[in-house]
């Protein structure tokens, strides 16, 4: 019995000694960057494949503006618009027939020729899909006397998905792929261009955050004397 008590006391003493011998220290580390943009001669933007309905707004112009004016702040480097031969025609055909394709950039002869013609460059491109659905809903309103009544209304639901690819042209390799989605039930007074811009701005903010390196704290232990 005494031997068991002595063993327990010994283990308790060792535990206390170990607890006092190690000190937890938070150490800041930089997360791995999406890419070394400073090592690239240029960063190009190639127009997205857009699958959007005709609704009185210019999606491609807003996407171009964003990558020309906003994303450069996230990567600390200018982004140059690149318009490859025949790419506008290809995108037009895909948009007209609403063809949903996933380009394999490493196997695409079209893109490999683009990458070969522009060595030591990085490329942003992607695809965007927007659906505008109309739904009937019942909403509670009040009549002129203040009495509650149910009214049937038709509302819109916007659903948008964006995929962004950052590609190392020399290797024809995707360095970073980001996918974002947003939903919006717009008000009756807002324009289609405002609806699109507000949804796209939310996804742009997420992309900007993903491209910027952030410091993180990792816990390490040191032996105290």
Protein backbone atom coordinates (compact mmCIF):
# COMPACT_ATOMS: atom_id res chain seq x y z
CA UNK A 1 0.00 0.00 0.00
CA UNK A 2 2.83 2.37 0.95
CA UNK A 3 4.64 1.59 -2.29
CA UNK A 4 1.54 2.58 -4.33
CA UNK A 5 1.22 5.85 -2.42
CA UNK A 6 4.90 6.63 -2.98
CA UNK A 7 4.53 5.85 -6.71
CA UNK A 8 1.53 8.19 -7.01
CA UNK A 9 3.39 10.97 -5.21
CA UNK A 10 6.40 10.47 -7.48
CA UNK A 11 4.23 10.66 -10.63
CA UNK A 12 2.48 13.77 -9.32
CA UNK A 13 5.84 15.41 -8.67
CA UNK A 14 7.07 14.57 -12.18
CA UNK A 15 3.88 15.97 -13.74
CA UNK A 16 4.27 19.22 -11.83
CA UNK A 17 7.92 19.46 -12.86
CA UNK A 18 7.09 18.89 -16.52
CA UNK A 19 4.30 21.45 -16.42
CA UNK A 20 6.68 24.05 -15.04
CA UNK A 21 9.51 23.16 -17.41
CA UNK A 22 7.73 24.03 -20.68
CA UNK A 23 6.45 27.45 -21.71
CA UNK A 24 3.94 27.99 -24.51
CA UNK A 25 5.06 30.71 -26.94
CA UNK A 26 2.92 31.95 -29.88
CA UNK A 27 5.11 32.48 -32.95
CA UNK A 28 3.90 34.41 -36.05
CA UNK A 29 4.29 32.68 -39.41
CA UNK A 30 3.49 33.88 -42.90
CA UNK A 31 1.12 31.66 -44.83
CA UNK A 32 2.28 30.38 -48.18
CA UNK A 33 1.51 32.88 -50.95
CA UNK A 34 -0.72 32.00 -53.86
CA UNK A 35 2.29 32.66 -56.11
CA UNK A 36 5.49 34.67 -56.25
CA UNK A 37 4.07 37.52 -58.32
CA UNK A 38 7.27 39.56 -58.04
CA UNK A 39 9.20 36.85 -59.92
CA UNK A 40 6.81 36.95 -62.86
CA UNK A 41 7.63 39.27 -65.73
CA UNK A 42 3.93 40.09 -66.18
CA UNK A 43 0.58 39.01 -64.85
CA UNK A 44 -2.08 38.67 -67.55
CA UNK A 45 -5.86 38.56 -67.37
CA UNK A 46 -7.75 36.55 -70.00
CA UNK A 47 -11.50 37.18 -70.27
CA UNK A 48 -13.78 34.83 -68.37
CA UNK A 49 -16.18 32.43 -70.01
CA UNK A 50 -19.50 33.97 -68.99
CA UNK A 51 -22.84 32.20 -68.96
CA UNK A 52 -25.24 35.01 -68.14
CA UNK A 53 -28.74 35.84 -69.40
CA UNK A 54 -29.52 38.95 -71.42
CA UNK A 55 -30.74 41.24 -68.67
CA UNK A 56 -29.44 44.71 -69.54
CA UNK A 57 -26.02 44.66 -67.87
CA UNK A 58 -22.42 44.17 -68.98
CA UNK A 59 -20.83 41.40 -66.92
CA UNK A 60 -17.59 41.22 -68.88
CA UNK A 61 -16.88 44.94 -68.51
CA UNK A 62 -17.23 44.75 -64.71
CA UNK A 63 -15.00 41.66 -64.52
CA UNK A 64 -12.34 43.38 -66.63
CA UNK A 65 -12.51 46.52 -64.49
CA UNK A 66 -12.14 44.52 -61.29
CA UNK A 67 -9.02 42.68 -62.44
CA UNK A 68 -7.50 45.86 -63.84
CA UNK A 69 -8.23 48.15 -60.87
CA UNK A 70 -8.81 46.09 -57.70
CA UNK A 71 -7.00 42.75 -57.80
CA UNK A 72 -3.59 44.40 -58.45
CA UNK A 73 -3.72 45.83 -54.92
CA UNK A 74 -4.01 42.28 -53.52
CA UNK A 75 -0.95 40.97 -55.40
CA UNK A 76 1.04 44.22 -55.47
CA UNK A 77 1.53 43.97 -59.23
CA UNK A 78 -0.14 45.36 -62.33
CA UNK A 79 -2.46 43.05 -64.26
CA UNK A 80 -2.50 43.38 -68.04
CA UNK A 81 -5.44 42.44 -70.25
CA UNK A 82 -4.48 39.80 -72.82
CA UNK A 83 -6.83 39.19 -75.75
CA UNK A 84 -5.69 36.02 -77.58
CA UNK A 85 -6.71 35.54 -81.19
CA UNK A 86 -10.09 33.78 -81.60
CA UNK A 87 -10.81 33.78 -77.85
CA UNK A 88 -13.64 36.31 -78.21
CA UNK A 89 -15.23 34.16 -80.92
CA UNK A 90 -14.91 30.99 -78.82
CA UNK A 91 -16.50 32.67 -75.81
CA UNK A 92 -19.30 34.04 -77.96
CA UNK A 93 -20.16 30.56 -79.25
CA UNK A 94 -20.09 29.10 -75.75
CA UNK A 95 -22.33 31.91 -74.48
CA UNK A 96 -24.79 31.67 -77.35
CA UNK A 97 -25.39 27.95 -76.92
CA UNK A 98 -24.87 28.06 -73.13
CA UNK A 99 -22.31 25.28 -73.30
CA UNK A 100 -20.86 24.35 -69.93
CA UNK A 101 -17.27 23.21 -70.35
CA UNK A 102 -14.31 22.82 -68.02
CA UNK A 103 -11.09 23.63 -69.82
CA UNK A 104 -8.11 21.43 -68.99
CA UNK A 105 -5.44 24.10 -69.38
CA UNK A 106 -2.49 21.73 -69.20
CA UNK A 107 -3.94 19.69 -72.11
CA UNK A 108 -5.42 22.52 -74.18
CA UNK A 109 -3.43 23.18 -77.37
CA UNK A 110 -5.07 26.61 -77.61
CA UNK A 111 -3.90 27.69 -74.16
CA UNK A 112 -0.53 25.98 -74.32
CA UNK A 113 0.23 28.09 -77.43
CA UNK A 114 -0.74 31.21 -75.49
CA UNK A 115 1.50 30.24 -72.57
CA UNK A 116 4.40 29.39 -74.90
CA UNK A 117 4.12 32.79 -76.59
CA UNK A 118 4.38 34.55 -73.22
CA UNK A 119 7.07 32.83 -71.12
CA UNK A 120 7.67 33.67 -67.45
CA UNK A 121 4.14 34.98 -67.01
CA UNK A 122 1.24 34.24 -64.71
CA UNK A 123 -2.34 34.22 -65.93
CA UNK A 124 -5.71 34.92 -64.32
CA UNK A 125 -8.79 33.54 -66.04
CA UNK A 126 -12.00 31.80 -65.07
CA UNK A 127 -15.69 31.32 -65.65
CA UNK A 128 -18.86 32.86 -64.31
CA UNK A 129 -22.41 31.56 -64.36
CA UNK A 130 -25.53 33.51 -63.42
CA UNK A 131 -29.08 32.26 -63.20
CA UNK A 132 -32.07 34.54 -62.68
CA UNK A 133 -35.05 32.61 -61.40
CA UNK A 134 -38.58 33.90 -60.97
CA UNK A 135 -40.67 32.55 -58.14
CA UNK A 136 -44.18 33.16 -56.87
CA UNK A 137 -44.39 33.94 -53.16
CA UNK A 138 -47.15 34.89 -50.77
CA UNK A 139 -46.42 37.95 -48.67
CA UNK A 140 -48.43 39.41 -45.83
CA UNK A 141 -49.51 43.01 -46.39
CA UNK A 142 -52.14 45.40 -45.04
CA UNK A 143 -55.04 47.00 -46.84
CA UNK A 144 -56.15 50.64 -46.58
CA UNK A 145 -57.97 49.89 -43.32
CA UNK A 146 -54.87 48.31 -41.77
CA UNK A 147 -56.20 44.78 -41.96
CA UNK A 148 -53.77 41.99 -42.75
CA UNK A 149 -54.08 40.22 -46.06
CA UNK A 150 -52.05 37.85 -48.16
CA UNK A 151 -50.78 39.00 -51.54
CA UNK A 152 -49.23 36.89 -54.29
CA UNK A 153 -46.05 38.38 -55.79
CA UNK A 154 -43.44 37.32 -58.31
CA UNK A 155 -39.86 37.84 -57.13
CA UNK A 156 -36.46 37.21 -58.62
CA UNK A 157 -33.70 35.05 -57.18
CA UNK A 158 -30.20 35.61 -58.55
CA UNK A 159 -27.69 32.78 -58.16
CA UNK A 160 -24.10 33.37 -59.24
CA UNK A 161 -21.02 31.14 -59.22
CA UNK A 162 -17.49 32.20 -60.12
CA UNK A 163 -14.39 30.08 -60.62
CA UNK A 164 -11.01 31.81 -60.77
CA UNK A 165 -7.81 30.17 -61.97
CA UNK A 166 -4.27 31.42 -61.41
CA UNK A 167 -2.00 29.64 -63.88
CA UNK A 168 1.76 29.31 -64.20
CA UNK A 169 2.19 29.61 -67.95
CA UNK A 170 5.62 27.93 -68.15
CA UNK A 171 4.25 24.78 -66.55
CA UNK A 172 0.66 25.15 -67.79
CA UNK A 173 -0.21 24.42 -64.18
CA UNK A 174 -3.02 25.82 -62.04
CA UNK A 175 -1.40 27.36 -58.97
CA UNK A 176 -4.62 28.43 -57.29
CA UNK A 177 -8.29 27.75 -57.91
CA UNK A 178 -11.02 29.58 -56.05
CA UNK A 179 -14.77 29.01 -56.28
CA UNK A 180 -17.33 31.43 -54.88
CA UNK A 181 -21.10 31.63 -54.98
CA UNK A 182 -23.67 34.25 -54.01
CA UNK A 183 -27.46 34.50 -53.88
CA UNK A 184 -29.55 37.64 -54.01
CA UNK A 185 -33.24 38.47 -53.88
CA UNK A 186 -33.11 41.97 -55.35
CA UNK A 187 -35.51 44.76 -54.54
CA UNK A 188 -37.97 46.03 -57.10
CA UNK A 189 -36.20 49.37 -57.36
CA UNK A 190 -32.68 48.12 -58.11
CA UNK A 191 -31.25 47.83 -61.62
CA UNK A 192 -29.83 44.64 -63.13
CA UNK A 193 -26.37 46.21 -63.33
CA UNK A 194 -26.50 47.14 -59.63
CA UNK A 195 -27.57 43.61 -58.71
CA UNK A 196 -24.73 42.07 -60.68
CA UNK A 197 -22.12 44.51 -59.39
CA UNK A 198 -23.11 44.02 -55.75
CA UNK A 199 -22.93 40.22 -56.00
CA UNK A 200 -19.66 40.30 -57.90
CA UNK A 201 -18.16 42.74 -55.38
CA UNK A 202 -18.80 40.27 -52.54
CA UNK A 203 -16.98 37.51 -54.42
CA UNK A 204 -14.15 39.89 -55.33
CA UNK A 205 -13.63 40.68 -51.64
CA UNK A 206 -13.25 36.96 -50.90
CA UNK A 207 -10.78 36.54 -53.77
CA UNK A 208 -8.74 39.53 -52.61
CA UNK A 209 -8.51 38.06 -49.11
CA UNK A 210 -7.44 34.67 -50.52
CA UNK A 211 -4.64 36.22 -52.59
CA UNK A 212 -3.16 38.28 -49.77
CA UNK A 213 -0.69 36.55 -47.42
CA UNK A 214 -1.80 36.68 -43.80
CA UNK A 215 0.20 36.18 -40.63
CA UNK A 216 -0.94 33.30 -38.47
CA UNK A 217 0.06 32.35 -34.94
CA UNK A 218 1.33 28.86 -34.23
CA UNK A 219 1.91 27.60 -30.70
CA UNK A 220 5.38 26.34 -29.86
CA UNK A 221 6.84 25.13 -26.57
CA UNK A 222 10.25 25.97 -25.15
CA UNK A 223 11.99 24.38 -22.22
CA UNK A 224 12.27 26.76 -19.28
CA UNK A 225 15.44 26.70 -17.21
